[in-house]
Amino acid sequence: MNQFMEILTPALMITGFVFIMMLLIEYVNVQTHGSWQEKLKKSKTGQYVLAVVLGAVPGCLGAFTVVSLYAHEVVSFGALVATMIATSGDEAFVMLSLFPLKAIWLTIIISVVGFLTGYLTDLMYKKQFKLLANREHVLPLHKEELCECYPKGYIRKQLKNISFERALLIGLLSGFLILMLTGTIVSDESNWIQITLIVGTFFGLFVVVTVPDHFLQKHLWEHVLKKHLLRIFLWTFGALLIIHVLMNYIDLNAWIQANTFTVLILAVLIGIIPESGPHLIFVTLFAQGSLPFSILLASSIVQDGHGTLPLLAVSKKGFVILKMINVAAGFLLGLTGLLFGF
């Protein structure tokens, strides 16, 4: 039972956060009549900057946000690649505590690498539109109806005659909020995640309670919940379950060899695993002085914590191609570092 909860808890946390981000993105898109979306689409540089900034934020929440934007075709595949290179997941907190100055330099380096790799990806990968070709991810915008969020007397009326969809969304968000406030989903060591999710959930509840029935039905219910929520949860839970089983049979510490090239290969391969944890092997070895910076750099470029898990529900082919690009970038940078002796 404990092992089941170890898998279910992060799956609920990831699914809940992605759902809230999708809800808020829909809300902002309609409130601004899609202007921010169009501006961001037209500015590739702006997409890369936003991508690496969100990726550089410690933890996986920034990465989840960019996956949501990519799922709605607001940012390009290159921007998604930039985010996943720039992020180090929860391991960033460990690095900041063990070797803060070097961790900051590492973050700056992988952010620059992410920016350049994202740019080159969009420049060279012309058929990336096919990754989302059979899915309806564009943010729907019904210009004939404005989202007047809190008209006088209307909120009380729609709550009095509450629809099934609104009641269920309020119930889901309220249940998620209770799990957050009681610490059931997020551990005490992750207070920053808990605070972020609580604030996001409160705003999500505000949106669900105040928006008109049209917005709630067309945008939140039909588009976000029905098309995305269950798929994201099932893929996230399934991936975590497989990883958990494999980790019980594979001793990753035994993989570390004395040969630096072998360790580089292992660092890149282990980085493919969409899980916060395996990367800590290389963080610990570097902190002890047993590992060169170049291998830590390669591992940080390839791994992205839980960041890519929601991408499996959006585009499995996109997940594979993204990992291939990150592996190539990580291996080339790591090998170059080894050849130059750092």
C-alpha atoms as a PDB file:
ATOM      1  CA  MET A   1       0.000   0.000   0.000  1.00  0.00           C
ATOM      2  CA  ASN A   2       2.832   2.382   0.869  1.00  0.00           C
ATOM      3  CA  GLN A   3       4.507   1.717  -2.478  1.00  0.00           C
ATOM      4  CA  PHE A   4       1.222   2.365  -4.290  1.00  0.00           C
ATOM      5  CA  MET A   5       0.879   5.720  -2.519  1.00  0.00           C
ATOM      6  CA  GLU A   6       4.471   6.583  -3.425  1.00  0.00           C
ATOM      7  CA  ILE A   7       3.401   6.339  -7.060  1.00  0.00           C
ATOM      8  CA  LEU A   8      -0.110   7.797  -6.739  1.00  0.00           C
ATOM      9  CA  THR A   9       0.976  10.879  -4.763  1.00  0.00           C
ATOM     10  CA  PRO A  10       3.349  12.409  -7.362  1.00  0.00           C
ATOM     11  CA  ALA A  11       0.953  11.380 -10.154  1.00  0.00           C
ATOM     12  CA  LEU A  12      -1.852  13.369  -8.484  1.00  0.00           C
ATOM     13  CA  MET A  13       0.462  16.313  -7.845  1.00  0.00           C
ATOM     14  CA  ILE A  14       1.662  16.458 -11.454  1.00  0.00           C
ATOM     15  CA  THR A  15      -1.825  15.989 -12.910  1.00  0.00           C
ATOM     16  CA  GLY A  16      -3.309  18.587 -10.563  1.00  0.00           C
ATOM     17  CA  PHE A  17      -0.704  21.197 -11.386  1.00  0.00           C
ATOM     18  CA  VAL A  18      -0.949  20.657 -15.146  1.00  0.00           C
ATOM     19  CA  PHE A  19      -4.757  20.853 -14.922  1.00  0.00           C
ATOM     20  CA  ILE A  20      -4.598  24.130 -12.980  1.00  0.00           C
ATOM     21  CA  MET A  21      -2.080  25.601 -15.442  1.00  0.00           C
ATOM     22  CA  MET A  22      -4.261  24.630 -18.399  1.00  0.00           C
ATOM     23  CA  LEU A  23      -7.274  26.178 -16.672  1.00  0.00           C
ATOM     24  CA  LEU A  24      -5.411  29.432 -16.018  1.00  0.00           C
ATOM     25  CA  ILE A  25      -4.004  29.545 -19.556  1.00  0.00           C
ATOM     26  CA  GLU A  26      -7.523  29.183 -20.963  1.00  0.00           C
ATOM     27  CA  TYR A  27      -8.731  31.943 -18.627  1.00  0.00           C
ATOM     28  CA  VAL A  28      -5.967  34.399 -19.516  1.00  0.00           C
ATOM     29  CA  ASN A  29      -6.363  33.631 -23.217  1.00  0.00           C
ATOM     30  CA  VAL A  30     -10.057  34.522 -23.238  1.00  0.00           C
ATOM     31  CA  GLN A  31      -9.666  37.539 -20.960  1.00  0.00           C
ATOM     32  CA  THR A  32      -7.021  39.026 -23.265  1.00  0.00           C
ATOM     33  CA  HIS A  33      -8.860  37.888 -26.424  1.00  0.00           C
ATOM     34  CA  GLY A  34      -5.825  35.795 -27.321  1.00  0.00           C
ATOM     35  CA  SER A  35      -3.525  38.810 -27.732  1.00  0.00           C
ATOM     36  CA  TRP A  36      -0.764  37.433 -25.461  1.00  0.00           C
ATOM     37  CA  GLN A  37      -0.919  34.107 -27.303  1.00  0.00           C
ATOM     38  CA  GLU A  38      -0.523  35.744 -30.711  1.00  0.00           C
ATOM     39  CA  LYS A  39       2.333  37.954 -29.519  1.00  0.00           C
ATOM     40  CA  LEU A  40       4.175  34.986 -28.036  1.00  0.00           C
ATOM     41  CA  LYS A  41       3.626  32.922 -31.192  1.00  0.00           C
ATOM     42  CA  LYS A  42       5.152  35.675 -33.325  1.00  0.00           C
ATOM     43  CA  SER A  43       8.195  36.130 -31.076  1.00  0.00           C
ATOM     44  CA  LYS A  44      10.417  33.065 -31.186  1.00  0.00           C
ATOM     45  CA  THR A  45      13.041  34.883 -29.135  1.00  0.00           C
ATOM     46  CA  GLY A  46      10.410  35.634 -26.511  1.00  0.00           C
ATOM     47  CA  GLN A  47       9.434  31.963 -26.457  1.00  0.00           C
ATOM     48  CA  TYR A  48      13.029  30.834 -25.893  1.00  0.00           C
ATOM     49  CA  VAL A  49      13.590  33.404 -23.144  1.00  0.00           C
ATOM     50  CA  LEU A  50      10.381  32.411 -21.354  1.00  0.00           C
ATOM     51  CA  ALA A  51      11.251  28.742 -21.843  1.00  0.00           C
ATOM     52  CA  VAL A  52      14.714  28.901 -20.288  1.00  0.00           C
ATOM     53  CA  VAL A  53      13.551  31.157 -17.445  1.00  0.00           C
ATOM     54  CA  LEU A  54      10.773  28.721 -16.494  1.00  0.00           C
ATOM     55  CA  GLY A  55      13.165  25.804 -16.958  1.00  0.00           C
ATOM     56  CA  ALA A  56      15.828  27.395 -14.776  1.00  0.00           C
ATOM     57  CA  VAL A  57      13.397  27.726 -11.866  1.00  0.00           C
ATOM     58  CA  PRO A  58      14.260  24.863  -9.457  1.00  0.00           C
ATOM     59  CA  GLY A  59      11.772  22.016  -9.541  1.00  0.00           C
ATOM     60  CA  CYS A  60       9.479  20.781 -12.297  1.00  0.00           C
ATOM     61  CA  LEU A  61       6.613  23.265 -12.147  1.00  0.00           C
ATOM     62  CA  GLY A  62       8.139  25.552 -14.778  1.00  0.00           C
ATOM     63  CA  ALA A  63       8.615  22.585 -17.089  1.00  0.00           C
ATOM     64  CA  PHE A  64       4.986  21.503 -16.577  1.00  0.00           C
ATOM     65  CA  THR A  65       3.871  25.030 -17.492  1.00  0.00           C
ATOM     66  CA  VAL A  66       5.772  24.986 -20.785  1.00  0.00           C
ATOM     67  CA  VAL A  67       4.347  21.539 -21.626  1.00  0.00           C
ATOM     68  CA  SER A  68       0.877  23.070 -21.156  1.00  0.00           C
ATOM     69  CA  LEU A  69       1.780  25.993 -23.446  1.00  0.00           C
ATOM     70  CA  TYR A  70       3.189  23.597 -26.035  1.00  0.00           C
ATOM     71  CA  ALA A  71       0.077  21.410 -25.842  1.00  0.00           C
ATOM     72  CA  HIS A  72      -1.951  24.491 -26.774  1.00  0.00           C
ATOM     73  CA  GLU A  73       0.509  25.351 -29.581  1.00  0.00           C
ATOM     74  CA  VAL A  74       1.412  28.650 -27.925  1.00  0.00           C
ATOM     75  CA  VAL A  75       5.153  27.880 -27.929  1.00  0.00           C
ATOM     76  CA  SER A  76       7.182  25.883 -30.413  1.00  0.00           C
ATOM     77  CA  PHE A  77       8.797  22.484 -30.024  1.00  0.00           C
ATOM     78  CA  GLY A  78      12.152  24.261 -29.903  1.00  0.00           C
ATOM     79  CA  ALA A  79      10.982  26.264 -26.884  1.00  0.00           C
ATOM     80  CA  LEU A  80       9.955  23.015 -25.217  1.00  0.00           C
ATOM     81  CA  VAL A  81      13.424  21.573 -25.915  1.00  0.00           C
ATOM     82  CA  ALA A  82      14.988  24.725 -24.441  1.00  0.00           C
ATOM     83  CA  THR A  83      12.982  24.323 -21.236  1.00  0.00           C
ATOM     84  CA  MET A  84      13.868  20.675 -20.742  1.00  0.00           C
ATOM     85  CA  ILE A  85      17.575  21.372 -21.240  1.00  0.00           C
ATOM     86  CA  ALA A  86      17.490  24.336 -18.856  1.00  0.00           C
ATOM     87  CA  THR A  87      15.700  22.452 -16.066  1.00  0.00           C
ATOM     88  CA  SER A  88      17.357  20.224 -13.483  1.00  0.00           C
ATOM     89  CA  GLY A  89      14.173  19.282 -11.658  1.00  0.00           C
ATOM     90  CA  ASP A  90      14.211  18.926  -7.884  1.00  0.00           C
ATOM     91  CA  GLU A  91      17.937  18.133  -8.017  1.00  0.00           C
ATOM     92  CA  ALA A  92      18.542  21.867  -8.483  1.00  0.00           C
ATOM     93  CA  PHE A  93      17.710  22.406  -4.792  1.00  0.00           C
ATOM     94  CA  VAL A  94      20.245  19.778  -3.759  1.00  0.00           C
ATOM     95  CA  MET A  95      22.939  21.331  -5.937  1.00  0.00           C
ATOM     96  CA  LEU A  96      22.213  24.802  -4.568  1.00  0.00           C
ATOM     97  CA  SER A  97      22.633  23.467  -1.031  1.00  0.00           C
ATOM     98  CA  LEU A  98      25.814  21.470  -1.714  1.00  0.00           C
ATOM     99  CA  PHE A  99      27.703  23.778  -4.101  1.00  0.00           C
ATOM    100  CA  PRO A 100      25.655  26.972  -4.622  1.00  0.00           C
ATOM    101  CA  LEU A 101      28.130  28.984  -6.741  1.00  0.00           C
ATOM    102  CA  LYS A 102      28.857  26.115  -9.118  1.00  0.00           C
ATOM    103  CA  ALA A 103      25.149  25.289  -9.255  1.00  0.00           C
ATOM    104  CA  ILE A 104      24.383  28.847 -10.386  1.00  0.00           C
ATOM    105  CA  TRP A 105      27.066  28.637 -13.074  1.00  0.00           C
ATOM    106  CA  LEU A 106      25.689  25.288 -14.162  1.00  0.00           C
ATOM    107  CA  THR A 107      22.184  26.759 -14.464  1.00  0.00           C
ATOM    108  CA  ILE A 108      23.489  29.657 -16.545  1.00  0.00           C
ATOM    109  CA  ILE A 109      25.366  27.289 -18.862  1.00  0.00           C
ATOM    110  CA  ILE A 110      22.453  24.894 -19.440  1.00  0.00           C
ATOM    111  CA  SER A 111      20.109  27.871 -19.961  1.00  0.00           C
ATOM    112  CA  VAL A 112      22.363  29.200 -22.718  1.00  0.00           C
ATOM    113  CA  VAL A 113      22.664  25.699 -24.192  1.00  0.00           C
ATOM    114  CA  GLY A 114      18.870  25.360 -23.996  1.00  0.00           C
ATOM    115  CA  PHE A 115      18.312  28.686 -25.761  1.00  0.00           C
ATOM    116  CA  LEU A 116      20.707  27.827 -28.607  1.00  0.00           C
ATOM    117  CA  THR A 117      19.473  24.234 -28.954  1.00  0.00           C
ATOM    118  CA  GLY A 118      15.851  25.398 -29.014  1.00  0.00           C
ATOM    119  CA  TYR A 119      16.670  27.906 -31.743  1.00  0.00           C
ATOM    120  CA  LEU A 120      18.514  25.291 -33.817  1.00  0.00           C
ATOM    121  CA  THR A 121      15.682  22.799 -33.329  1.00  0.00           C
ATOM    122  CA  ASP A 122      13.101  25.174 -34.785  1.00  0.00           C
ATOM    123  CA  LEU A 123      15.531  26.176 -37.537  1.00  0.00           C
ATOM    124  CA  MET A 124      16.257  22.610 -38.655  1.00  0.00           C
ATOM    125  CA  TYR A 125      13.110  20.666 -37.701  1.00  0.00           C
ATOM    126  CA  LYS A 126      10.590  22.006 -40.218  1.00  0.00           C
ATOM    127  CA  LYS A 127       7.954  19.277 -39.819  1.00  0.00           C
ATOM    128  CA  GLN A 128       7.444  19.581 -36.077  1.00  0.00           C
ATOM    129  CA  PHE A 129       3.794  20.495 -36.679  1.00  0.00           C
ATOM    130  CA  LYS A 130       3.154  16.799 -37.312  1.00  0.00           C
ATOM    131  CA  LEU A 131       3.834  16.049 -33.635  1.00  0.00           C
ATOM    132  CA  LEU A 132       0.456  17.593 -32.780  1.00  0.00           C
ATOM    133  CA  ALA A 133      -1.147  17.064 -36.196  1.00  0.00           C
ATOM    134  CA  ASN A 134      -3.981  14.779 -35.074  1.00  0.00           C
ATOM    135  CA  ARG A 135      -4.811  16.593 -31.864  1.00  0.00           C
ATOM    136  CA  GLU A 136      -6.931  19.658 -31.181  1.00  0.00           C
ATOM    137  CA  HIS A 137      -4.680  21.664 -28.913  1.00  0.00           C
ATOM    138  CA  VAL A 138      -5.213  25.190 -30.193  1.00  0.00           C
ATOM    139  CA  LEU A 139      -6.810  27.351 -27.526  1.00  0.00           C
ATOM    140  CA  PRO A 140     -10.446  27.837 -28.543  1.00  0.00           C
ATOM    141  CA  LEU A 141     -11.479  31.486 -28.524  1.00  0.00           C
ATOM    142  CA  HIS A 142     -15.135  32.385 -28.961  1.00  0.00           C
ATOM    143  CA  LYS A 143     -14.920  36.077 -29.765  1.00  0.00           C
ATOM    144  CA  GLU A 144     -18.661  36.537 -29.924  1.00  0.00           C
ATOM    145  CA  GLU A 145     -18.941  36.017 -26.166  1.00  0.00           C
ATOM    146  CA  LEU A 146     -16.804  37.865 -23.640  1.00  0.00           C
ATOM    147  CA  CYS A 147     -15.821  36.372 -20.321  1.00  0.00           C
ATOM    148  CA  GLU A 148     -17.258  38.895 -17.868  1.00  0.00           C
ATOM    149  CA  CYS A 149     -15.996  37.224 -14.720  1.00  0.00           C
ATOM    150  CA  TYR A 150     -17.954  38.800 -11.937  1.00  0.00           C
ATOM    151  CA  PRO A 151     -21.077  40.627 -13.150  1.00  0.00           C
ATOM    152  CA  LYS A 152     -23.189  41.992 -10.323  1.00  0.00           C
ATOM    153  CA  GLY A 153     -25.695  39.455  -9.034  1.00  0.00           C
ATOM    154  CA  TYR A 154     -24.785  36.847 -11.639  1.00  0.00           C
ATOM    155  CA  ILE A 155     -22.412  34.750  -9.534  1.00  0.00           C
ATOM    156  CA  ARG A 156     -25.036  34.133  -6.853  1.00  0.00           C
ATOM    157  CA  LYS A 157     -27.557  33.157  -9.522  1.00  0.00           C
ATOM    158  CA  GLN A 158     -25.285  30.642 -11.258  1.00  0.00           C
ATOM    159  CA  LEU A 159     -24.256  29.113  -7.916  1.00  0.00           C
ATOM    160  CA  LYS A 160     -27.893  28.822  -6.879  1.00  0.00           C
ATOM    161  CA  ASN A 161     -28.662  27.009 -10.147  1.00  0.00           C
ATOM    162  CA  ILE A 162     -25.286  25.306 -10.298  1.00  0.00           C
ATOM    163  CA  SER A 163     -24.593  23.000 -13.217  1.00  0.00           C
ATOM    164  CA  PHE A 164     -23.169  19.498 -12.862  1.00  0.00           C
ATOM    165  CA  GLU A 165     -19.938  20.561 -14.605  1.00  0.00           C
ATOM    166  CA  ARG A 166     -19.345  23.510 -12.283  1.00  0.00           C
ATOM    167  CA  ALA A 167     -20.139  21.446  -9.183  1.00  0.00           C
ATOM    168  CA  LEU A 168     -17.732  18.689 -10.234  1.00  0.00           C
ATOM    169  CA  LEU A 169     -14.912  21.123 -11.037  1.00  0.00           C
ATOM    170  CA  ILE A 170     -15.389  22.875  -7.689  1.00  0.00           C
ATOM    171  CA  GLY A 171     -15.362  19.479  -5.982  1.00  0.00           C
ATOM    172  CA  LEU A 172     -12.178  18.346  -7.771  1.00  0.00           C
ATOM    173  CA  LEU A 173     -10.314  21.576  -6.998  1.00  0.00           C
ATOM    174  CA  SER A 174     -11.562  21.617  -3.391  1.00  0.00           C
ATOM    175  CA  GLY A 175     -10.439  18.016  -2.892  1.00  0.00           C
ATOM    176  CA  PHE A 176      -7.045  18.809  -4.412  1.00  0.00           C
ATOM    177  CA  LEU A 177      -6.760  21.849  -2.125  1.00  0.00           C
ATOM    178  CA  ILE A 178      -7.531  19.738   0.957  1.00  0.00           C
ATOM    179  CA  LEU A 179      -4.822  17.247  -0.054  1.00  0.00           C
ATOM    180  CA  MET A 180      -2.427  20.182  -0.416  1.00  0.00           C
ATOM    181  CA  LEU A 181      -3.298  21.833   2.893  1.00  0.00           C
ATOM    182  CA  THR A 182      -3.004  18.545   4.799  1.00  0.00           C
ATOM    183  CA  GLY A 183       0.340  17.722   3.188  1.00  0.00           C
ATOM    184  CA  THR A 184      -1.027  14.468   1.752  1.00  0.00           C
ATOM    185  CA  ILE A 185       0.366  15.100  -1.726  1.00  0.00           C
ATOM    186  CA  VAL A 186       3.454  17.237  -1.093  1.00  0.00           C
ATOM    187  CA  SER A 187       5.930  16.391   1.659  1.00  0.00           C
ATOM    188  CA  ASP A 188       7.140  18.849   4.271  1.00  0.00           C
ATOM    189  CA  GLU A 189      10.481  19.113   2.449  1.00  0.00           C
ATOM    190  CA  SER A 190       8.695  20.666  -0.540  1.00  0.00           C
ATOM    191  CA  ASN A 191       6.968  23.664   1.080  1.00  0.00           C
ATOM    192  CA  TRP A 192       7.601  25.885  -1.956  1.00  0.00           C
ATOM    193  CA  ILE A 193       5.708  23.422  -4.178  1.00  0.00           C
ATOM    194  CA  GLN A 194       2.884  23.263  -1.644  1.00  0.00           C
ATOM    195  CA  ILE A 195       2.572  27.056  -1.500  1.00  0.00           C
ATOM    196  CA  THR A 196       2.640  27.356  -5.295  1.00  0.00           C
ATOM    197  CA  LEU A 197      -0.047  24.717  -5.731  1.00  0.00           C
ATOM    198  CA  ILE A 198      -2.257  26.157  -2.985  1.00  0.00           C
ATOM    199  CA  VAL A 199      -2.147  29.638  -4.520  1.00  0.00           C
ATOM    200  CA  GLY A 200      -2.787  28.197  -7.984  1.00  0.00           C
ATOM    201  CA  THR A 201      -5.694  26.089  -6.739  1.00  0.00           C
ATOM    202  CA  PHE A 202      -7.323  29.055  -4.976  1.00  0.00           C
ATOM    203  CA  PHE A 203      -7.144  31.046  -8.201  1.00  0.00           C
ATOM    204  CA  GLY A 204      -8.483  28.034 -10.087  1.00  0.00           C
ATOM    205  CA  LEU A 205     -11.465  27.920  -7.724  1.00  0.00           C
ATOM    206  CA  PHE A 206     -11.993  31.652  -8.263  1.00  0.00           C
ATOM    207  CA  VAL A 207     -12.124  31.075 -12.021  1.00  0.00           C
ATOM    208  CA  VAL A 208     -14.505  28.096 -11.775  1.00  0.00           C
ATOM    209  CA  VAL A 209     -16.874  29.916  -9.392  1.00  0.00           C
ATOM    210  CA  THR A 210     -17.012  33.241 -11.288  1.00  0.00           C
ATOM    211  CA  VAL A 211     -16.858  32.502 -15.018  1.00  0.00           C
ATOM    212  CA  PRO A 212     -20.084  32.317 -17.059  1.00  0.00           C
ATOM    213  CA  ASP A 213     -21.578  28.962 -17.994  1.00  0.00           C
ATOM    214  CA  HIS A 214     -20.449  29.275 -21.621  1.00  0.00           C
ATOM    215  CA  PHE A 215     -16.792  29.681 -20.684  1.00  0.00           C
ATOM    216  CA  LEU A 216     -16.945  26.901 -18.120  1.00  0.00           C
ATOM    217  CA  GLN A 217     -18.699  24.476 -20.482  1.00  0.00           C
ATOM    218  CA  LYS A 218     -16.715  25.130 -23.672  1.00  0.00           C
ATOM    219  CA  HIS A 219     -13.259  25.916 -22.288  1.00  0.00           C
ATOM    220  CA  LEU A 220     -12.816  24.299 -18.893  1.00  0.00           C
ATOM    221  CA  TRP A 221     -15.080  21.256 -19.129  1.00  0.00           C
ATOM    222  CA  GLU A 222     -14.950  20.163 -22.766  1.00  0.00           C
ATOM    223  CA  HIS A 223     -11.429  21.281 -23.595  1.00  0.00           C
ATOM    224  CA  VAL A 224      -9.339  21.000 -20.421  1.00  0.00           C
ATOM    225  CA  LEU A 225     -11.010  18.302 -18.329  1.00  0.00           C
ATOM    226  CA  LYS A 226     -12.540  15.949 -20.922  1.00  0.00           C
ATOM    227  CA  LYS A 227      -9.690  16.080 -23.438  1.00  0.00           C
ATOM    228  CA  HIS A 228      -6.669  16.236 -21.160  1.00  0.00           C
ATOM    229  CA  LEU A 229      -7.108  15.385 -17.489  1.00  0.00           C
ATOM    230  CA  LEU A 230      -7.607  11.600 -17.525  1.00  0.00           C
ATOM    231  CA  ARG A 231      -5.005  11.067 -20.260  1.00  0.00           C
ATOM    232  CA  ILE A 232      -2.377  13.051 -18.361  1.00  0.00           C
ATOM    233  CA  PHE A 233      -3.061  11.181 -15.115  1.00  0.00           C
ATOM    234  CA  LEU A 234      -2.955   7.720 -16.728  1.00  0.00           C
ATOM    235  CA  TRP A 235       0.283   8.359 -18.611  1.00  0.00           C
ATOM    236  CA  THR A 236       1.922   9.963 -15.577  1.00  0.00           C
ATOM    237  CA  PHE A 237       0.850   7.164 -13.224  1.00  0.00           C
ATOM    238  CA  GLY A 238       1.855   4.476 -15.738  1.00  0.00           C
ATOM    239  CA  ALA A 239       5.299   5.967 -16.320  1.00  0.00           C
ATOM    240  CA  LEU A 240       5.936   6.342 -12.586  1.00  0.00           C
ATOM    241  CA  LEU A 241       4.811   2.747 -11.997  1.00  0.00           C
ATOM    242  CA  ILE A 242       7.215   1.371 -14.618  1.00  0.00           C
ATOM    243  CA  ILE A 243      10.088   3.465 -13.269  1.00  0.00           C
ATOM    244  CA  HIS A 244       9.348   2.320  -9.713  1.00  0.00           C
ATOM    245  CA  VAL A 245       9.441  -1.344 -10.742  1.00  0.00           C
ATOM    246  CA  LEU A 246      12.687  -0.918 -12.688  1.00  0.00           C
ATOM    247  CA  MET A 247      14.362   0.948  -9.843  1.00  0.00           C
ATOM    248  CA  ASN A 248      13.669  -1.997  -7.538  1.00  0.00           C
ATOM    249  CA  TYR A 249      15.588  -4.342  -9.840  1.00  0.00           C
ATOM    250  CA  ILE A 250      18.403  -2.058 -11.010  1.00  0.00           C
ATOM    251  CA  ASP A 251      21.081  -0.735  -8.669  1.00  0.00           C
ATOM    252  CA  LEU A 252      22.057   2.483 -10.420  1.00  0.00           C
ATOM    253  CA  ASN A 253      24.997   3.010  -8.079  1.00  0.00           C
ATOM    254  CA  ALA A 254      26.543  -0.205  -9.393  1.00  0.00           C
ATOM    255  CA  TRP A 255      26.572   1.300 -12.869  1.00  0.00           C
ATOM    256  CA  ILE A 256      29.154   3.915 -11.946  1.00  0.00           C
ATOM    257  CA  GLN A 257      32.515   2.849 -13.300  1.00  0.00           C
ATOM    258  CA  ALA A 258      36.015   4.244 -12.868  1.00  0.00           C
ATOM    259  CA  ASN A 259      36.316   5.026 -16.595  1.00  0.00           C
ATOM    260  CA  THR A 260      35.120   8.587 -17.186  1.00  0.00           C
ATOM    261  CA  PHE A 261      33.863   7.922 -20.723  1.00  0.00           C
ATOM    262  CA  THR A 262      31.757   5.019 -19.470  1.00  0.00           C
ATOM    263  CA  VAL A 263      30.383   7.235 -16.714  1.00  0.00           C
ATOM    264  CA  LEU A 264      29.533   9.889 -19.309  1.00  0.00           C
ATOM    265  CA  ILE A 265      27.563   7.356 -21.339  1.00  0.00           C
ATOM    266  CA  LEU A 266      25.764   6.177 -18.196  1.00  0.00           C
ATOM    267  CA  ALA A 267      25.008   9.751 -17.119  1.00  0.00           C
ATOM    268  CA  VAL A 268      23.401  10.463 -20.483  1.00  0.00           C
ATOM    269  CA  LEU A 269      21.429   7.194 -20.507  1.00  0.00           C
ATOM    270  CA  ILE A 270      20.207   7.601 -16.927  1.00  0.00           C
ATOM    271  CA  GLY A 271      19.201  11.171 -17.773  1.00  0.00           C
ATOM    272  CA  ILE A 272      16.610   9.769 -20.194  1.00  0.00           C
ATOM    273  CA  ILE A 273      14.584   8.438 -17.229  1.00  0.00           C
ATOM    274  CA  PRO A 274      11.730  10.932 -16.548  1.00  0.00           C
ATOM    275  CA  GLU A 275      12.231  10.800 -12.799  1.00  0.00           C
ATOM    276  CA  SER A 276      13.690  13.018 -10.086  1.00  0.00           C
ATOM    277  CA  GLY A 277      16.228  10.886  -8.253  1.00  0.00           C
ATOM    278  CA  PRO A 278      18.700   9.045 -10.503  1.00  0.00           C
ATOM    279  CA  HIS A 279      20.501  12.297 -11.312  1.00  0.00           C
ATOM    280  CA  LEU A 280      21.378  12.651  -7.618  1.00  0.00           C
ATOM    281  CA  ILE A 281      24.014   9.943  -8.073  1.00  0.00           C
ATOM    282  CA  PHE A 282      26.048  12.312 -10.223  1.00  0.00           C
ATOM    283  CA  VAL A 283      25.272  15.335  -8.038  1.00  0.00           C
ATOM    284  CA  THR A 284      26.601  13.474  -4.991  1.00  0.00           C
ATOM    285  CA  LEU A 285      29.714  12.201  -6.777  1.00  0.00           C
ATOM    286  CA  PHE A 286      30.486  15.716  -8.037  1.00  0.00           C
ATOM    287  CA  ALA A 287      29.987  17.207  -4.564  1.00  0.00           C
ATOM    288  CA  GLN A 288      32.474  14.630  -3.219  1.00  0.00           C
ATOM    289  CA  GLY A 289      35.025  15.574  -5.877  1.00  0.00           C
ATOM    290  CA  SER A 290      34.795  12.172  -7.585  1.00  0.00           C
ATOM    291  CA  LEU A 291      33.245  13.376 -10.824  1.00  0.00           C
ATOM    292  CA  PRO A 292      34.315  16.023 -13.362  1.00  0.00           C
ATOM    293  CA  PHE A 293      32.049  18.991 -14.024  1.00  0.00           C
ATOM    294  CA  SER A 294      31.564  17.942 -17.660  1.00  0.00           C
ATOM    295  CA  ILE A 295      29.689  14.773 -16.671  1.00  0.00           C
ATOM    296  CA  LEU A 296      27.440  16.670 -14.252  1.00  0.00           C
ATOM    297  CA  LEU A 297      26.788  19.131 -17.101  1.00  0.00           C
ATOM    298  CA  ALA A 298      25.874  16.317 -19.505  1.00  0.00           C
ATOM    299  CA  SER A 299      23.541  14.725 -16.951  1.00  0.00           C
ATOM    300  CA  SER A 300      21.870  18.073 -16.208  1.00  0.00           C
ATOM    301  CA  ILE A 301      21.243  18.740 -19.903  1.00  0.00           C
ATOM    302  CA  VAL A 302      19.629  15.368 -20.580  1.00  0.00           C
ATOM    303  CA  GLN A 303      17.595  14.868 -17.401  1.00  0.00           C
ATOM    304  CA  ASP A 304      14.544  16.993 -16.622  1.00  0.00           C
ATOM    305  CA  GLY A 305      13.061  15.472 -13.468  1.00  0.00           C
ATOM    306  CA  HIS A 306       9.359  14.786 -13.951  1.00  0.00           C
ATOM    307  CA  GLY A 307       9.134  17.602 -16.486  1.00  0.00           C
ATOM    308  CA  THR A 308       8.472  15.481 -19.570  1.00  0.00           C
ATOM    309  CA  LEU A 309       5.918  13.112 -18.021  1.00  0.00           C
ATOM    310  CA  PRO A 310       2.869  15.184 -19.121  1.00  0.00           C
ATOM    311  CA  LEU A 311       4.377  15.323 -22.626  1.00  0.00           C
ATOM    312  CA  LEU A 312       3.734  11.589 -22.968  1.00  0.00           C
ATOM    313  CA  ALA A 313       0.015  12.339 -22.909  1.00  0.00           C
ATOM    314  CA  VAL A 314       0.406  15.131 -25.474  1.00  0.00           C
ATOM    315  CA  SER A 315       2.790  13.571 -28.008  1.00  0.00           C
ATOM    316  CA  LYS A 316       4.698  10.338 -27.470  1.00  0.00           C
ATOM    317  CA  LYS A 317       6.695  10.955 -30.646  1.00  0.00           C
ATOM    318  CA  GLY A 318       7.504  14.428 -29.387  1.00  0.00           C
ATOM    319  CA  PHE A 319       8.774  12.908 -26.131  1.00  0.00           C
ATOM    320  CA  VAL A 320      11.126  10.568 -28.026  1.00  0.00           C
ATOM    321  CA  ILE A 321      12.450  13.265 -30.366  1.00  0.00           C
ATOM    322  CA  LEU A 322      12.959  15.717 -27.502  1.00  0.00           C
ATOM    323  CA  LYS A 323      14.952  13.143 -25.551  1.00  0.00           C
ATOM    324  CA  MET A 324      17.059  12.334 -28.622  1.00  0.00           C
ATOM    325  CA  ILE A 325      17.928  16.019 -29.062  1.00  0.00           C
ATOM    326  CA  ASN A 326      18.780  16.402 -25.378  1.00  0.00           C
ATOM    327  CA  VAL A 327      20.896  13.249 -25.420  1.00  0.00           C
ATOM    328  CA  ALA A 328      22.855  14.543 -28.434  1.00  0.00           C
ATOM    329  CA  ALA A 329      23.408  17.948 -26.805  1.00  0.00           C
ATOM    330  CA  GLY A 330      24.372  16.445 -23.449  1.00  0.00           C
ATOM    331  CA  PHE A 331      26.764  13.901 -24.924  1.00  0.00           C
ATOM    332  CA  LEU A 332      28.509  16.442 -27.192  1.00  0.00           C
ATOM    333  CA  LEU A 333      28.954  18.983 -24.384  1.00  0.00           C
ATOM    334  CA  GLY A 334      30.051  16.309 -21.917  1.00  0.00           C
ATOM    335  CA  LEU A 335      32.536  14.785 -24.361  1.00  0.00           C
ATOM    336  CA  THR A 336      33.936  18.213 -25.227  1.00  0.00           C
ATOM    337  CA  GLY A 337      34.382  18.918 -21.531  1.00  0.00           C
ATOM    338  CA  LEU A 338      36.236  15.642 -20.988  1.00  0.00           C
ATOM    339  CA  LEU A 339      38.542  16.330 -23.950  1.00  0.00           C
ATOM    340  CA  PHE A 340      39.385  19.772 -22.573  1.00  0.00           C
ATOM    341  CA  GLY A 341      39.847  18.421 -19.054  1.00  0.00           C
ATOM    342  CA  PHE A 342      37.017  19.982 -17.059  1.00  0.00           C
END
